[in-house]
Amino acid sequence: MTITFTEVLLKLLSGFGTTCLLFALTLVMALPLGLLISFGSMSKFKPLKIFTKIFIWIIRGVPLMLQVIVVFYVPGLIFDTPMRSRLTAVVIAFVINYACYFSEIFRAGIESISRGQYEAGQVLGMTKAQVFFKIILKQVIKRIVPPMSNEITTLVKDTALARVIMVAEIIKAAQEITATYAIIWPLFFTGLFYLIFVGILTLLFGYLEKRLSYFRV
């Protein structure tokens, strides 16, 4: 039983498409959710602050693989409403997990801005929302780009965890080819996809850091 290089490549590209989709959906939803969660962890309303911090602690302390399994199986076992889509379960788990990590980066960035800048904006007649979005947020983005780039790069590699519930991302596709046709090179070939993906992100974040270099404080 044989398979051509083109057929292998097409199967890997299909799996890579799932990897890219999971990456994109997680990023698009986890970033704004992470910002909202960071507001909760900085809230002056103590019950909300305590609840948010405990939630972040739990999510960051439990392996992402276990969270994927829980999200996929628990609704069916406890509420008798099984997840209809394996990819949806993975996306939910990834979004919650990465939103918590992103929230801590946002929180650290926001708290690093001196209080005087908030006060200066209010003296100029700006509302708190205007001060945050027009003055503070731009400086926060500059400061969080390096740690955020690390987390986003990690997200690329974490997408491989989707295979724990049989989502056909690129590594699972390669494993199936290896098991079926007794060839190992597709597994190593997946590394090339990841290297290219991470390389593009590295260049993108490097460019972004240069664009934001005028925020030197």
C-alpha atoms as a PDB file:
ATOM      1  CA  MET A   1       0.000   0.000   0.000  1.00  0.00           C
ATOM      2  CA  THR A   2       1.597   3.249  -1.148  1.00  0.00           C
ATOM      3  CA  ILE A   3       0.775   6.930  -1.165  1.00  0.00           C
ATOM      4  CA  THR A   4       2.230   9.674  -3.336  1.00  0.00           C
ATOM      5  CA  PHE A   5       3.986  12.785  -2.075  1.00  0.00           C
ATOM      6  CA  THR A   6       1.147  14.938  -3.434  1.00  0.00           C
ATOM      7  CA  GLU A   7      -1.485  12.923  -1.563  1.00  0.00           C
ATOM      8  CA  VAL A   8       0.491  13.220   1.673  1.00  0.00           C
ATOM      9  CA  LEU A   9       0.912  16.949   1.165  1.00  0.00           C
ATOM     10  CA  LEU A  10      -2.819  17.435   0.556  1.00  0.00           C
ATOM     11  CA  LYS A  11      -3.693  15.525   3.741  1.00  0.00           C
ATOM     12  CA  LEU A  12      -1.189  17.567   5.732  1.00  0.00           C
ATOM     13  CA  LEU A  13      -2.514  20.811   4.257  1.00  0.00           C
ATOM     14  CA  SER A  14      -6.036  19.797   5.276  1.00  0.00           C
ATOM     15  CA  GLY A  15      -4.849  19.211   8.836  1.00  0.00           C
ATOM     16  CA  PHE A  16      -2.901  22.469   8.750  1.00  0.00           C
ATOM     17  CA  GLY A  17      -6.098  24.259   7.726  1.00  0.00           C
ATOM     18  CA  THR A  18      -7.748  22.993  10.911  1.00  0.00           C
ATOM     19  CA  THR A  19      -4.699  24.108  12.912  1.00  0.00           C
ATOM     20  CA  CYS A  20      -4.900  27.613  11.416  1.00  0.00           C
ATOM     21  CA  LEU A  21      -8.656  27.800  12.014  1.00  0.00           C
ATOM     22  CA  LEU A  22      -8.243  26.840  15.670  1.00  0.00           C
ATOM     23  CA  PHE A  23      -5.437  29.364  16.072  1.00  0.00           C
ATOM     24  CA  ALA A  24      -7.412  32.193  14.458  1.00  0.00           C
ATOM     25  CA  LEU A  25     -10.663  31.546  16.354  1.00  0.00           C
ATOM     26  CA  THR A  26      -8.824  31.329  19.666  1.00  0.00           C
ATOM     27  CA  LEU A  27      -6.926  34.545  19.078  1.00  0.00           C
ATOM     28  CA  VAL A  28      -9.932  36.554  17.858  1.00  0.00           C
ATOM     29  CA  MET A  29     -12.056  35.584  20.866  1.00  0.00           C
ATOM     30  CA  ALA A  30      -9.443  35.229  23.624  1.00  0.00           C
ATOM     31  CA  LEU A  31      -7.886  38.689  23.229  1.00  0.00           C
ATOM     32  CA  PRO A  32     -11.040  40.765  23.931  1.00  0.00           C
ATOM     33  CA  LEU A  33     -12.199  38.268  26.565  1.00  0.00           C
ATOM     34  CA  GLY A  34      -8.801  38.483  28.239  1.00  0.00           C
ATOM     35  CA  LEU A  35      -9.114  42.277  28.414  1.00  0.00           C
ATOM     36  CA  LEU A  36     -12.536  41.956  30.057  1.00  0.00           C
ATOM     37  CA  ILE A  37     -11.220  39.416  32.558  1.00  0.00           C
ATOM     38  CA  SER A  38      -8.320  41.743  33.408  1.00  0.00           C
ATOM     39  CA  PHE A  39     -10.851  44.435  34.322  1.00  0.00           C
ATOM     40  CA  GLY A  40     -12.485  41.944  36.684  1.00  0.00           C
ATOM     41  CA  SER A  41      -9.164  41.098  38.343  1.00  0.00           C
ATOM     42  CA  MET A  42      -8.490  44.831  38.883  1.00  0.00           C
ATOM     43  CA  SER A  43     -12.032  45.666  39.969  1.00  0.00           C
ATOM     44  CA  LYS A  44     -12.609  47.625  43.164  1.00  0.00           C
ATOM     45  CA  PHE A  45     -15.648  45.391  43.791  1.00  0.00           C
ATOM     46  CA  LYS A  46     -13.973  42.772  45.978  1.00  0.00           C
ATOM     47  CA  PRO A  47     -16.306  39.783  45.328  1.00  0.00           C
ATOM     48  CA  LEU A  48     -15.777  40.170  41.568  1.00  0.00           C
ATOM     49  CA  LYS A  49     -12.026  40.633  42.013  1.00  0.00           C
ATOM     50  CA  ILE A  50     -11.694  37.549  44.231  1.00  0.00           C
ATOM     51  CA  PHE A  51     -13.867  35.403  41.950  1.00  0.00           C
ATOM     52  CA  THR A  52     -11.895  36.466  38.865  1.00  0.00           C
ATOM     53  CA  LYS A  53      -8.532  35.801  40.482  1.00  0.00           C
ATOM     54  CA  ILE A  54      -9.621  32.338  41.676  1.00  0.00           C
ATOM     55  CA  PHE A  55     -10.969  31.525  38.208  1.00  0.00           C
ATOM     56  CA  ILE A  56      -7.687  32.603  36.578  1.00  0.00           C
ATOM     57  CA  TRP A  57      -5.701  30.586  39.129  1.00  0.00           C
ATOM     58  CA  ILE A  58      -7.715  27.427  38.386  1.00  0.00           C
ATOM     59  CA  ILE A  59      -7.531  27.764  34.609  1.00  0.00           C
ATOM     60  CA  ARG A  60      -3.800  28.513  34.627  1.00  0.00           C
ATOM     61  CA  GLY A  61      -3.121  25.686  37.068  1.00  0.00           C
ATOM     62  CA  VAL A  62      -4.947  22.916  35.201  1.00  0.00           C
ATOM     63  CA  PRO A  63      -3.360  21.433  32.041  1.00  0.00           C
ATOM     64  CA  LEU A  64      -4.959  22.627  28.810  1.00  0.00           C
ATOM     65  CA  MET A  65      -5.300  19.027  27.627  1.00  0.00           C
ATOM     66  CA  LEU A  66      -7.484  18.236  30.653  1.00  0.00           C
ATOM     67  CA  GLN A  67      -9.594  21.326  30.001  1.00  0.00           C
ATOM     68  CA  VAL A  68     -10.224  20.169  26.428  1.00  0.00           C
ATOM     69  CA  ILE A  69     -11.341  16.747  27.693  1.00  0.00           C
ATOM     70  CA  VAL A  70     -13.603  18.285  30.347  1.00  0.00           C
ATOM     71  CA  VAL A  71     -15.287  20.689  27.930  1.00  0.00           C
ATOM     72  CA  PHE A  72     -15.932  17.879  25.447  1.00  0.00           C
ATOM     73  CA  TYR A  73     -17.157  15.140  27.801  1.00  0.00           C
ATOM     74  CA  VAL A  74     -18.711  16.853  30.849  1.00  0.00           C
ATOM     75  CA  PRO A  75     -21.805  18.379  29.135  1.00  0.00           C
ATOM     76  CA  GLY A  76     -22.824  14.930  27.911  1.00  0.00           C
ATOM     77  CA  LEU A  77     -22.049  13.086  31.143  1.00  0.00           C
ATOM     78  CA  ILE A  78     -23.650  15.559  33.546  1.00  0.00           C
ATOM     79  CA  PHE A  79     -26.273  17.468  31.555  1.00  0.00           C
ATOM     80  CA  ASP A  80     -27.029  14.818  28.914  1.00  0.00           C
ATOM     81  CA  THR A  81     -26.272  17.364  26.168  1.00  0.00           C
ATOM     82  CA  PRO A  82     -23.131  16.115  24.394  1.00  0.00           C
ATOM     83  CA  MET A  83     -21.030  18.515  22.366  1.00  0.00           C
ATOM     84  CA  ARG A  84     -22.072  18.256  18.722  1.00  0.00           C
ATOM     85  CA  SER A  85     -18.734  19.439  17.399  1.00  0.00           C
ATOM     86  CA  ARG A  86     -15.306  18.363  18.594  1.00  0.00           C
ATOM     87  CA  LEU A  87     -13.744  21.493  17.120  1.00  0.00           C
ATOM     88  CA  THR A  88     -16.218  23.673  19.036  1.00  0.00           C
ATOM     89  CA  ALA A  89     -15.197  21.978  22.290  1.00  0.00           C
ATOM     90  CA  VAL A  90     -11.536  22.603  21.557  1.00  0.00           C
ATOM     91  CA  VAL A  91     -12.179  26.251  20.666  1.00  0.00           C
ATOM     92  CA  ILE A  92     -14.124  26.830  23.908  1.00  0.00           C
ATOM     93  CA  ALA A  93     -11.364  25.286  26.015  1.00  0.00           C
ATOM     94  CA  PHE A  94      -8.620  27.189  24.180  1.00  0.00           C
ATOM     95  CA  VAL A  95     -10.436  30.537  24.350  1.00  0.00           C
ATOM     96  CA  ILE A  96     -11.046  30.271  28.106  1.00  0.00           C
ATOM     97  CA  ASN A  97      -7.490  29.117  28.779  1.00  0.00           C
ATOM     98  CA  TYR A  98      -5.740  31.738  26.692  1.00  0.00           C
ATOM     99  CA  ALA A  99      -8.086  34.517  27.787  1.00  0.00           C
ATOM    100  CA  CYS A 100      -6.904  33.923  31.354  1.00  0.00           C
ATOM    101  CA  TYR A 101      -3.247  34.064  30.317  1.00  0.00           C
ATOM    102  CA  PHE A 102      -3.843  37.155  28.200  1.00  0.00           C
ATOM    103  CA  SER A 103      -5.733  38.803  31.078  1.00  0.00           C
ATOM    104  CA  GLU A 104      -2.662  38.636  33.312  1.00  0.00           C
ATOM    105  CA  ILE A 105      -0.557  40.218  30.580  1.00  0.00           C
ATOM    106  CA  PHE A 106      -3.133  42.983  30.101  1.00  0.00           C
ATOM    107  CA  ARG A 107      -3.351  43.525  33.869  1.00  0.00           C
ATOM    108  CA  ALA A 108       0.421  43.818  34.246  1.00  0.00           C
ATOM    109  CA  GLY A 109       0.576  46.238  31.324  1.00  0.00           C
ATOM    110  CA  ILE A 110      -2.238  48.454  32.609  1.00  0.00           C
ATOM    111  CA  GLU A 111      -0.874  48.554  36.156  1.00  0.00           C
ATOM    112  CA  SER A 112       2.579  49.523  34.862  1.00  0.00           C
ATOM    113  CA  ILE A 113       1.255  52.891  33.641  1.00  0.00           C
ATOM    114  CA  SER A 114       1.756  55.641  36.197  1.00  0.00           C
ATOM    115  CA  ARG A 115      -1.312  57.028  37.926  1.00  0.00           C
ATOM    116  CA  GLY A 116      -0.259  60.546  36.903  1.00  0.00           C
ATOM    117  CA  GLN A 117      -1.217  59.876  33.295  1.00  0.00           C
ATOM    118  CA  TYR A 118      -4.799  59.064  34.291  1.00  0.00           C
ATOM    119  CA  GLU A 119      -4.955  62.246  36.361  1.00  0.00           C
ATOM    120  CA  ALA A 120      -3.448  64.365  33.579  1.00  0.00           C
ATOM    121  CA  GLY A 121      -6.088  63.148  31.125  1.00  0.00           C
ATOM    122  CA  GLN A 122      -8.906  63.903  33.545  1.00  0.00           C
ATOM    123  CA  VAL A 123      -7.484  67.401  34.151  1.00  0.00           C
ATOM    124  CA  LEU A 124      -7.784  67.952  30.398  1.00  0.00           C
ATOM    125  CA  GLY A 125     -11.499  67.177  30.661  1.00  0.00           C
ATOM    126  CA  MET A 126     -11.384  63.626  29.304  1.00  0.00           C
ATOM    127  CA  THR A 127     -13.615  60.908  30.680  1.00  0.00           C
ATOM    128  CA  LYS A 128     -12.109  57.763  32.212  1.00  0.00           C
ATOM    129  CA  ALA A 129     -12.981  55.804  29.076  1.00  0.00           C
ATOM    130  CA  GLN A 130     -11.331  58.421  26.840  1.00  0.00           C
ATOM    131  CA  VAL A 131      -8.203  58.449  28.990  1.00  0.00           C
ATOM    132  CA  PHE A 132      -7.970  54.659  28.824  1.00  0.00           C
ATOM    133  CA  PHE A 133      -8.547  54.205  25.094  1.00  0.00           C
ATOM    134  CA  LYS A 134      -6.751  57.324  23.829  1.00  0.00           C
ATOM    135  CA  ILE A 135      -3.775  57.515  26.211  1.00  0.00           C
ATOM    136  CA  ILE A 136      -3.302  54.372  28.269  1.00  0.00           C
ATOM    137  CA  LEU A 137      -4.194  51.544  25.887  1.00  0.00           C
ATOM    138  CA  LYS A 138      -1.633  52.505  23.226  1.00  0.00           C
ATOM    139  CA  GLN A 139       1.158  52.455  25.803  1.00  0.00           C
ATOM    140  CA  VAL A 140      -0.121  49.172  27.235  1.00  0.00           C
ATOM    141  CA  ILE A 141      -0.039  47.562  23.778  1.00  0.00           C
ATOM    142  CA  LYS A 142       3.598  48.640  23.368  1.00  0.00           C
ATOM    143  CA  ARG A 143       4.559  47.074  26.701  1.00  0.00           C
ATOM    144  CA  ILE A 144       2.683  43.813  26.277  1.00  0.00           C
ATOM    145  CA  VAL A 145       3.821  42.962  22.744  1.00  0.00           C
ATOM    146  CA  PRO A 146       6.859  40.854  23.863  1.00  0.00           C
ATOM    147  CA  PRO A 147       5.007  38.683  26.440  1.00  0.00           C
ATOM    148  CA  MET A 148       1.955  38.492  24.195  1.00  0.00           C
ATOM    149  CA  SER A 149       4.077  37.305  21.287  1.00  0.00           C
ATOM    150  CA  ASN A 150       5.420  34.487  23.473  1.00  0.00           C
ATOM    151  CA  GLU A 151       1.907  33.342  24.403  1.00  0.00           C
ATOM    152  CA  ILE A 152       0.674  33.529  20.817  1.00  0.00           C
ATOM    153  CA  THR A 153       3.661  31.508  19.620  1.00  0.00           C
ATOM    154  CA  THR A 154       2.867  28.925  22.302  1.00  0.00           C
ATOM    155  CA  LEU A 155      -0.721  28.853  21.048  1.00  0.00           C
ATOM    156  CA  VAL A 156       0.514  27.748  17.609  1.00  0.00           C
ATOM    157  CA  LYS A 157       2.137  24.673  19.162  1.00  0.00           C
ATOM    158  CA  ASP A 158      -0.689  24.018  21.639  1.00  0.00           C
ATOM    159  CA  THR A 159      -3.111  23.503  18.753  1.00  0.00           C
ATOM    160  CA  ALA A 160      -1.633  19.994  18.534  1.00  0.00           C
ATOM    161  CA  LEU A 161      -3.537  19.177  21.764  1.00  0.00           C
ATOM    162  CA  ALA A 162      -6.761  19.147  19.733  1.00  0.00           C
ATOM    163  CA  ARG A 163      -5.961  15.606  18.674  1.00  0.00           C
ATOM    164  CA  VAL A 164      -6.701  14.385  22.228  1.00  0.00           C
ATOM    165  CA  ILE A 165     -10.391  14.376  21.252  1.00  0.00           C
ATOM    166  CA  MET A 166      -9.707  13.301  17.667  1.00  0.00           C
ATOM    167  CA  VAL A 167      -9.793  16.699  15.957  1.00  0.00           C
ATOM    168  CA  ALA A 168      -7.899  16.264  12.686  1.00  0.00           C
ATOM    169  CA  GLU A 169      -5.210  18.923  13.041  1.00  0.00           C
ATOM    170  CA  ILE A 170      -1.899  18.547  11.219  1.00  0.00           C
ATOM    171  CA  ILE A 171      -0.101  16.211  13.642  1.00  0.00           C
ATOM    172  CA  LYS A 172      -3.076  13.861  13.832  1.00  0.00           C
ATOM    173  CA  ALA A 173      -3.188  13.828  10.029  1.00  0.00           C
ATOM    174  CA  ALA A 174       0.503  12.930   9.949  1.00  0.00           C
ATOM    175  CA  GLN A 175       0.028  10.206  12.568  1.00  0.00           C
ATOM    176  CA  GLU A 176      -2.757   8.631  10.536  1.00  0.00           C
ATOM    177  CA  ILE A 177      -0.586   8.618   7.415  1.00  0.00           C
ATOM    178  CA  THR A 178       2.296   7.054   9.352  1.00  0.00           C
ATOM    179  CA  ALA A 179       0.068   4.362  10.877  1.00  0.00           C
ATOM    180  CA  THR A 180      -1.621   3.532   7.562  1.00  0.00           C
ATOM    181  CA  TYR A 181       1.322   3.614   5.152  1.00  0.00           C
ATOM    182  CA  ALA A 182       4.257   2.860   7.503  1.00  0.00           C
ATOM    183  CA  ILE A 183       6.183   6.002   6.537  1.00  0.00           C
ATOM    184  CA  ILE A 184       7.578   8.328   9.188  1.00  0.00           C
ATOM    185  CA  TRP A 185       8.675  11.370   7.194  1.00  0.00           C
ATOM    186  CA  PRO A 186       5.228  13.095   7.271  1.00  0.00           C
ATOM    187  CA  LEU A 187       5.606  13.450  11.051  1.00  0.00           C
ATOM    188  CA  PHE A 188       8.875  15.323  10.616  1.00  0.00           C
ATOM    189  CA  PHE A 189       7.431  17.263   7.700  1.00  0.00           C
ATOM    190  CA  THR A 190       4.832  18.791  10.066  1.00  0.00           C
ATOM    191  CA  GLY A 191       7.727  20.532  11.810  1.00  0.00           C
ATOM    192  CA  LEU A 192       8.278  22.553   8.650  1.00  0.00           C
ATOM    193  CA  PHE A 193       4.699  23.848   8.781  1.00  0.00           C
ATOM    194  CA  TYR A 194       5.143  24.932  12.390  1.00  0.00           C
ATOM    195  CA  LEU A 195       8.522  26.548  11.699  1.00  0.00           C
ATOM    196  CA  ILE A 196       7.073  28.585   8.828  1.00  0.00           C
ATOM    197  CA  PHE A 197       4.033  29.597  10.894  1.00  0.00           C
ATOM    198  CA  VAL A 198       6.126  30.633  13.909  1.00  0.00           C
ATOM    199  CA  GLY A 199       8.648  32.355  11.640  1.00  0.00           C
ATOM    200  CA  ILE A 200       5.933  34.517  10.079  1.00  0.00           C
ATOM    201  CA  LEU A 201       4.601  35.434  13.547  1.00  0.00           C
ATOM    202  CA  THR A 202       8.107  36.304  14.745  1.00  0.00           C
ATOM    203  CA  LEU A 203       8.616  38.669  11.801  1.00  0.00           C
ATOM    204  CA  LEU A 204       5.173  40.175  12.338  1.00  0.00           C
ATOM    205  CA  PHE A 205       5.757  40.881  16.031  1.00  0.00           C
ATOM    206  CA  GLY A 206       9.230  42.237  15.282  1.00  0.00           C
ATOM    207  CA  TYR A 207       7.683  44.663  12.795  1.00  0.00           C
ATOM    208  CA  LEU A 208       4.984  45.616  15.307  1.00  0.00           C
ATOM    209  CA  GLU A 209       7.557  46.364  18.007  1.00  0.00           C
ATOM    210  CA  LYS A 210       9.422  48.673  15.620  1.00  0.00           C
ATOM    211  CA  ARG A 211       6.180  50.448  14.677  1.00  0.00           C
ATOM    212  CA  LEU A 212       5.451  51.050  18.360  1.00  0.00           C
ATOM    213  CA  SER A 213       8.998  52.178  19.203  1.00  0.00           C
ATOM    214  CA  TYR A 214       7.885  55.816  19.485  1.00  0.00           C
ATOM    215  CA  PHE A 215       6.294  54.903  22.829  1.00  0.00           C
ATOM    216  CA  ARG A 216       9.641  54.962  24.618  1.00  0.00           C
ATOM    217  CA  VAL A 217       9.096  55.722  28.271  1.00  0.00           C
END
